[in-house]
Amino acid sequence: MVTRINKRSKTIRQKHIMKNVNKHTRAGKNGKTIYCPECNAPNKVYHFNWSAITCGGCTQMIGKYFFSLHPRQYRSNQGRSPIRTEQNYKAIGVLLVIAWTASIILLTMKLL
C-alpha cells in the first residue's frame, strides 16, 4: 500500500498495490481469494498445491505465479483517519476548557 499526503487539502490517499502469488503464499484456514491477471475475476482457493488452474471468469488455464492478491489490511488501520482523530482532539480540548472555566466559577462563588 502506498500512502500519499496531499498538503493542500490535508487528506491521505491510500493506493492498494496488487501483489503476486509467490512460494511463501499460504491460503490459511478460511482460504484465500486470488485474482486472475486476464479478467480480474476472484477465485477462492484453499491450498496452493497446484501449478496452474482454470480461471472461473475467463476459462483460461493460468499459472500459479501469475495470479495476484490484495495486500493484507490490518484491523488497526481500518476506519481510522488522521483527520477524524484530529477533530476528536479539538472537541475534547473545547470540553476541557469549558469544564475548567466552570470549576473556576464555582470556586469563586464559594469564596464570596
N, C-alpha and C. Protein backbone atom coordinates (compact mmCIF):
# COMPACT_ATOMS: atom_id res chain seq x y z
N MET A 1 0.85 -1.16 0.00
CA MET A 1 0.00 0.00 0.00
C MET A 1 0.90 1.23 0.00
N VAL A 2 0.60 2.14 -0.88
CA VAL A 2 1.34 3.39 -0.99
C VAL A 2 0.48 4.49 -0.39
N THR A 3 1.05 5.26 0.52
CA THR A 3 0.32 6.35 1.16
C THR A 3 0.86 7.68 0.67
N ARG A 4 -0.04 8.53 0.19
CA ARG A 4 0.34 9.85 -0.27
C ARG A 4 -0.48 10.89 0.47
N ILE A 5 0.19 11.95 0.91
CA ILE A 5 -0.50 13.01 1.64
C ILE A 5 -0.57 14.24 0.75
N ASN A 6 -1.77 14.76 0.55
CA ASN A 6 -1.97 15.98 -0.21
C ASN A 6 -1.84 17.14 0.76
N LYS A 7 -0.85 18.02 0.56
CA LYS A 7 -0.57 19.09 1.52
C LYS A 7 -1.63 20.17 1.49
N ARG A 8 -2.25 20.42 0.36
CA ARG A 8 -3.27 21.47 0.29
C ARG A 8 -4.53 21.11 1.06
N SER A 9 -5.10 19.96 0.75
CA SER A 9 -6.36 19.59 1.38
C SER A 9 -6.15 18.76 2.64
N LYS A 10 -4.91 18.42 2.95
CA LYS A 10 -4.55 17.64 4.13
C LYS A 10 -5.31 16.31 4.20
N THR A 11 -5.41 15.66 3.06
CA THR A 11 -6.07 14.35 3.01
C THR A 11 -5.02 13.29 2.70
N ILE A 12 -5.34 12.09 3.08
CA ILE A 12 -4.43 10.98 2.85
C ILE A 12 -5.09 10.04 1.84
N ARG A 13 -4.34 9.69 0.81
CA ARG A 13 -4.82 8.73 -0.19
C ARG A 13 -4.01 7.46 -0.05
N GLN A 14 -4.69 6.34 0.04
CA GLN A 14 -4.01 5.07 0.11
C GLN A 14 -4.34 4.28 -1.14
N LYS A 15 -3.30 3.87 -1.84
CA LYS A 15 -3.47 3.14 -3.08
C LYS A 15 -3.03 1.70 -2.83
N HIS A 16 -3.91 0.76 -3.10
CA HIS A 16 -3.59 -0.65 -2.91
C HIS A 16 -2.83 -1.15 -4.12
N ILE A 17 -1.69 -1.74 -3.88
CA ILE A 17 -0.90 -2.32 -4.94
C ILE A 17 -1.10 -3.83 -4.88
N MET A 18 -1.49 -4.40 -6.02
CA MET A 18 -1.71 -5.84 -6.07
C MET A 18 -0.37 -6.56 -5.97
N LYS A 19 -0.35 -7.65 -5.24
CA LYS A 19 0.86 -8.43 -5.02
C LYS A 19 0.66 -9.79 -5.66
N ASN A 20 1.67 -10.33 -6.31
CA ASN A 20 1.54 -11.63 -6.96
C ASN A 20 1.73 -12.77 -5.97
N VAL A 21 1.19 -13.92 -6.30
CA VAL A 21 1.38 -15.13 -5.51
C VAL A 21 2.83 -15.55 -5.66
N ASN A 22 3.47 -15.96 -4.56
CA ASN A 22 4.84 -16.46 -4.63
C ASN A 22 4.94 -17.76 -3.84
N LYS A 23 6.15 -18.26 -3.66
CA LYS A 23 6.30 -19.56 -2.99
C LYS A 23 5.98 -19.50 -1.50
N HIS A 24 5.91 -18.31 -0.93
CA HIS A 24 5.61 -18.17 0.50
C HIS A 24 4.12 -17.91 0.77
N THR A 25 3.31 -17.80 -0.25
CA THR A 25 1.88 -17.52 -0.08
C THR A 25 1.18 -18.74 0.51
N ARG A 26 0.40 -18.51 1.54
CA ARG A 26 -0.36 -19.58 2.19
C ARG A 26 -1.84 -19.21 2.15
N ALA A 27 -2.70 -20.22 2.09
CA ALA A 27 -4.13 -19.98 1.98
C ALA A 27 -4.78 -19.76 3.33
N GLY A 28 -4.29 -20.36 4.36
CA GLY A 28 -4.88 -20.18 5.68
C GLY A 28 -6.08 -21.08 5.89
N LYS A 29 -6.69 -20.96 7.04
CA LYS A 29 -7.81 -21.82 7.42
C LYS A 29 -9.06 -21.58 6.59
N ASN A 30 -9.33 -20.32 6.27
CA ASN A 30 -10.56 -19.98 5.54
C ASN A 30 -10.34 -19.81 4.03
N GLY A 31 -9.17 -20.15 3.55
CA GLY A 31 -8.89 -20.00 2.13
C GLY A 31 -8.45 -18.59 1.79
N LYS A 32 -8.10 -18.37 0.54
CA LYS A 32 -7.63 -17.06 0.10
C LYS A 32 -8.23 -16.76 -1.26
N THR A 33 -8.60 -15.51 -1.48
CA THR A 33 -9.14 -15.09 -2.76
C THR A 33 -7.99 -14.57 -3.61
N ILE A 34 -7.84 -15.17 -4.80
CA ILE A 34 -6.83 -14.73 -5.74
C ILE A 34 -7.54 -14.16 -6.96
N TYR A 35 -6.85 -13.28 -7.70
CA TYR A 35 -7.47 -12.59 -8.82
C TYR A 35 -6.73 -12.91 -10.11
N CYS A 36 -7.51 -13.19 -11.15
CA CYS A 36 -6.98 -13.56 -12.46
C CYS A 36 -6.29 -12.36 -13.11
N PRO A 37 -5.12 -12.55 -13.72
CA PRO A 37 -4.45 -11.43 -14.39
C PRO A 37 -5.13 -11.02 -15.70
N GLU A 38 -5.91 -11.90 -16.29
CA GLU A 38 -6.57 -11.60 -17.56
C GLU A 38 -7.89 -10.85 -17.38
N CYS A 39 -8.77 -11.39 -16.54
CA CYS A 39 -10.12 -10.80 -16.40
C CYS A 39 -10.37 -10.19 -15.02
N ASN A 40 -9.42 -10.33 -14.09
CA ASN A 40 -9.52 -9.80 -12.73
C ASN A 40 -10.69 -10.40 -11.95
N ALA A 41 -11.09 -11.60 -12.30
CA ALA A 41 -12.17 -12.30 -11.59
C ALA A 41 -11.62 -12.95 -10.32
N PRO A 42 -12.38 -12.89 -9.22
CA PRO A 42 -11.91 -13.52 -7.98
C PRO A 42 -12.10 -15.03 -8.03
N ASN A 43 -11.13 -15.76 -7.51
CA ASN A 43 -11.18 -17.22 -7.40
C ASN A 43 -10.75 -17.58 -5.99
N LYS A 44 -11.53 -18.40 -5.31
CA LYS A 44 -11.21 -18.80 -3.94
C LYS A 44 -10.45 -20.12 -3.98
N VAL A 45 -9.29 -20.17 -3.33
CA VAL A 45 -8.51 -21.40 -3.24
C VAL A 45 -8.24 -21.70 -1.77
N TYR A 46 -8.09 -22.98 -1.47
CA TYR A 46 -7.85 -23.41 -0.11
C TYR A 46 -6.45 -24.00 0.10
N HIS A 47 -5.72 -24.17 -0.98
CA HIS A 47 -4.31 -24.59 -0.90
C HIS A 47 -3.62 -24.17 -2.19
N PHE A 48 -2.31 -24.16 -2.17
CA PHE A 48 -1.54 -23.78 -3.35
C PHE A 48 -0.71 -24.95 -3.85
N ASN A 49 -1.23 -26.15 -3.71
CA ASN A 49 -0.55 -27.35 -4.17
C ASN A 49 -0.94 -27.64 -5.62
N TRP A 50 -0.74 -26.69 -6.48
CA TRP A 50 -1.03 -26.81 -7.90
C TRP A 50 -0.09 -25.89 -8.68
N SER A 51 0.07 -26.14 -9.96
CA SER A 51 0.95 -25.30 -10.76
C SER A 51 0.16 -24.37 -11.67
N ALA A 52 -1.05 -24.77 -12.06
CA ALA A 52 -1.92 -23.92 -12.89
C ALA A 52 -3.36 -24.36 -12.68
N ILE A 53 -4.29 -23.41 -12.75
CA ILE A 53 -5.71 -23.73 -12.65
C ILE A 53 -6.48 -22.98 -13.72
N THR A 54 -7.70 -23.40 -13.94
CA THR A 54 -8.57 -22.72 -14.89
C THR A 54 -9.33 -21.63 -14.16
N CYS A 55 -9.28 -20.42 -14.70
CA CYS A 55 -9.98 -19.29 -14.10
C CYS A 55 -11.48 -19.49 -14.26
N GLY A 56 -12.23 -19.13 -13.22
CA GLY A 56 -13.69 -19.26 -13.28
C GLY A 56 -14.35 -18.19 -14.13
N GLY A 57 -13.65 -17.08 -14.39
CA GLY A 57 -14.23 -15.98 -15.15
C GLY A 57 -13.98 -16.10 -16.65
N CYS A 58 -12.71 -16.31 -17.03
CA CYS A 58 -12.39 -16.33 -18.47
C CYS A 58 -12.10 -17.73 -18.99
N THR A 59 -12.14 -18.75 -18.16
CA THR A 59 -11.91 -20.17 -18.50
C THR A 59 -10.59 -20.39 -19.22
N GLN A 60 -9.56 -19.67 -18.84
CA GLN A 60 -8.22 -19.90 -19.38
C GLN A 60 -7.38 -20.58 -18.32
N MET A 61 -6.42 -21.40 -18.77
CA MET A 61 -5.50 -22.05 -17.86
C MET A 61 -4.37 -21.08 -17.55
N ILE A 62 -4.21 -20.73 -16.27
CA ILE A 62 -3.24 -19.72 -15.87
C ILE A 62 -2.35 -20.28 -14.78
N GLY A 63 -1.06 -19.99 -14.85
CA GLY A 63 -0.08 -20.48 -13.88
C GLY A 63 -0.26 -19.83 -12.52
N LYS A 64 0.21 -20.54 -11.52
CA LYS A 64 0.02 -20.09 -10.13
C LYS A 64 0.66 -18.73 -9.86
N TYR A 65 1.85 -18.50 -10.36
CA TYR A 65 2.58 -17.28 -10.02
C TYR A 65 2.11 -16.04 -10.77
N PHE A 66 1.15 -16.19 -11.67
CA PHE A 66 0.60 -15.04 -12.38
C PHE A 66 -0.60 -14.45 -11.66
N PHE A 67 -1.22 -15.20 -10.76
CA PHE A 67 -2.36 -14.70 -10.01
C PHE A 67 -1.91 -13.62 -9.02
N SER A 68 -2.80 -12.71 -8.72
CA SER A 68 -2.46 -11.65 -7.76
C SER A 68 -3.44 -11.68 -6.60
N LEU A 69 -3.03 -11.06 -5.49
CA LEU A 69 -3.90 -10.98 -4.33
C LEU A 69 -3.82 -9.60 -3.73
N HIS A 70 -4.87 -9.22 -3.04
CA HIS A 70 -4.90 -7.92 -2.40
C HIS A 70 -3.96 -7.95 -1.20
N PRO A 71 -3.28 -6.83 -0.94
CA PRO A 71 -2.42 -6.81 0.24
C PRO A 71 -3.26 -6.88 1.51
N ARG A 72 -2.67 -7.40 2.56
CA ARG A 72 -3.38 -7.57 3.82
C ARG A 72 -3.67 -6.21 4.44
N GLN A 73 -4.88 -6.06 4.90
CA GLN A 73 -5.25 -4.82 5.58
C GLN A 73 -5.42 -5.12 7.06
N TYR A 74 -4.67 -4.43 7.87
CA TYR A 74 -4.68 -4.69 9.30
C TYR A 74 -5.87 -4.01 9.96
N ARG A 75 -6.39 -4.62 10.99
CA ARG A 75 -7.58 -4.10 11.66
C ARG A 75 -7.35 -2.75 12.31
N SER A 76 -6.14 -2.50 12.78
CA SER A 76 -5.89 -1.24 13.47
C SER A 76 -5.99 -0.06 12.52
N ASN A 77 -5.84 -0.27 11.22
CA ASN A 77 -5.90 0.82 10.25
C ASN A 77 -7.27 1.00 9.63
N GLN A 78 -8.20 0.12 9.88
CA GLN A 78 -9.49 0.21 9.22
C GLN A 78 -10.37 1.25 9.90
N GLY A 79 -10.92 2.13 9.11
CA GLY A 79 -11.89 3.09 9.61
C GLY A 79 -11.32 4.24 10.40
N ARG A 80 -10.03 4.36 10.46
CA ARG A 80 -9.43 5.46 11.21
C ARG A 80 -8.71 6.39 10.25
N SER A 81 -9.05 7.63 10.32
CA SER A 81 -8.33 8.60 9.50
C SER A 81 -7.76 9.66 10.42
N PRO A 82 -6.59 10.18 10.08
CA PRO A 82 -5.97 11.19 10.95
C PRO A 82 -6.81 12.45 11.08
N ILE A 83 -7.59 12.78 10.05
CA ILE A 83 -8.43 13.97 10.11
C ILE A 83 -9.51 13.79 11.17
N ARG A 84 -10.10 12.62 11.22
CA ARG A 84 -11.14 12.33 12.19
C ARG A 84 -10.60 12.42 13.61
N THR A 85 -9.43 11.85 13.88
CA THR A 85 -8.88 11.90 15.23
C THR A 85 -8.49 13.32 15.60
N GLU A 86 -8.03 14.10 14.62
CA GLU A 86 -7.68 15.50 14.88
C GLU A 86 -8.92 16.28 15.31
N GLN A 87 -10.06 16.03 14.67
CA GLN A 87 -11.31 16.68 15.04
C GLN A 87 -11.74 16.25 16.44
N ASN A 88 -11.54 14.98 16.76
CA ASN A 88 -11.90 14.50 18.09
C ASN A 88 -11.07 15.17 19.17
N TYR A 89 -9.77 15.36 18.92
CA TYR A 89 -8.91 16.03 19.89
C TYR A 89 -9.33 17.48 20.09
N LYS A 90 -9.76 18.14 19.01
CA LYS A 90 -10.23 19.52 19.14
C LYS A 90 -11.48 19.58 20.01
N ALA A 91 -12.39 18.64 19.80
CA ALA A 91 -13.63 18.61 20.59
C ALA A 91 -13.32 18.35 22.07
N ILE A 92 -12.39 17.45 22.34
CA ILE A 92 -12.02 17.17 23.73
C ILE A 92 -11.39 18.40 24.37
N GLY A 93 -10.57 19.12 23.60
CA GLY A 93 -9.95 20.35 24.11
C GLY A 93 -10.99 21.39 24.48
N VAL A 94 -12.00 21.55 23.65
CA VAL A 94 -13.07 22.52 23.93
C VAL A 94 -13.82 22.12 25.20
N LEU A 95 -14.12 20.85 25.34
CA LEU A 95 -14.82 20.38 26.53
C LEU A 95 -13.98 20.59 27.80
N LEU A 96 -12.68 20.39 27.70
CA LEU A 96 -11.82 20.61 28.87
C LEU A 96 -11.79 22.08 29.26
N VAL A 97 -11.76 22.97 28.29
CA VAL A 97 -11.76 24.41 28.59
C VAL A 97 -13.07 24.81 29.27
N ILE A 98 -14.19 24.27 28.79
CA ILE A 98 -15.49 24.57 29.39
C ILE A 98 -15.54 24.06 30.83
N ALA A 99 -15.05 22.85 31.07
CA ALA A 99 -15.05 22.30 32.42
C ALA A 99 -14.14 23.10 33.34
N TRP A 100 -13.01 23.54 32.83
CA TRP A 100 -12.07 24.34 33.62
C TRP A 100 -12.69 25.68 34.02
N THR A 101 -13.34 26.34 33.07
CA THR A 101 -13.97 27.63 33.39
C THR A 101 -15.12 27.44 34.37
N ALA A 102 -15.87 26.36 34.24
CA ALA A 102 -16.98 26.10 35.17
C ALA A 102 -16.44 25.86 36.58
N SER A 103 -15.34 25.17 36.70
CA SER A 103 -14.78 24.91 38.03
C SER A 103 -14.25 26.20 38.66
N ILE A 104 -13.67 27.09 37.85
CA ILE A 104 -13.20 28.38 38.38
C ILE A 104 -14.38 29.22 38.85
N ILE A 105 -15.47 29.21 38.12
CA ILE A 105 -16.66 29.97 38.51
C ILE A 105 -17.21 29.43 39.83
N LEU A 106 -17.26 28.12 39.98
CA LEU A 106 -17.75 27.54 41.24
C LEU A 106 -16.86 27.88 42.41
N LEU A 107 -15.53 27.87 42.20
CA LEU A 107 -14.61 28.22 43.29
C LEU A 107 -14.78 29.68 43.70
N THR A 108 -14.93 30.57 42.77
CA THR A 108 -15.10 32.00 43.12
C THR A 108 -16.42 32.23 43.84
N MET A 109 -17.47 31.49 43.50
CA MET A 109 -18.75 31.65 44.17
C MET A 109 -18.66 31.14 45.61
N LYS A 110 -17.87 30.07 45.85
CA LYS A 110 -17.72 29.57 47.21
C LYS A 110 -16.94 30.54 48.08
N LEU A 111 -15.96 31.22 47.48
CA LEU A 111 -15.15 32.16 48.25
C LEU A 111 -15.92 33.42 48.60
N LEU A 112 -16.91 33.79 47.81
CA LEU A 112 -17.69 35.00 48.10
C LEU A 112 -18.74 34.70 49.09
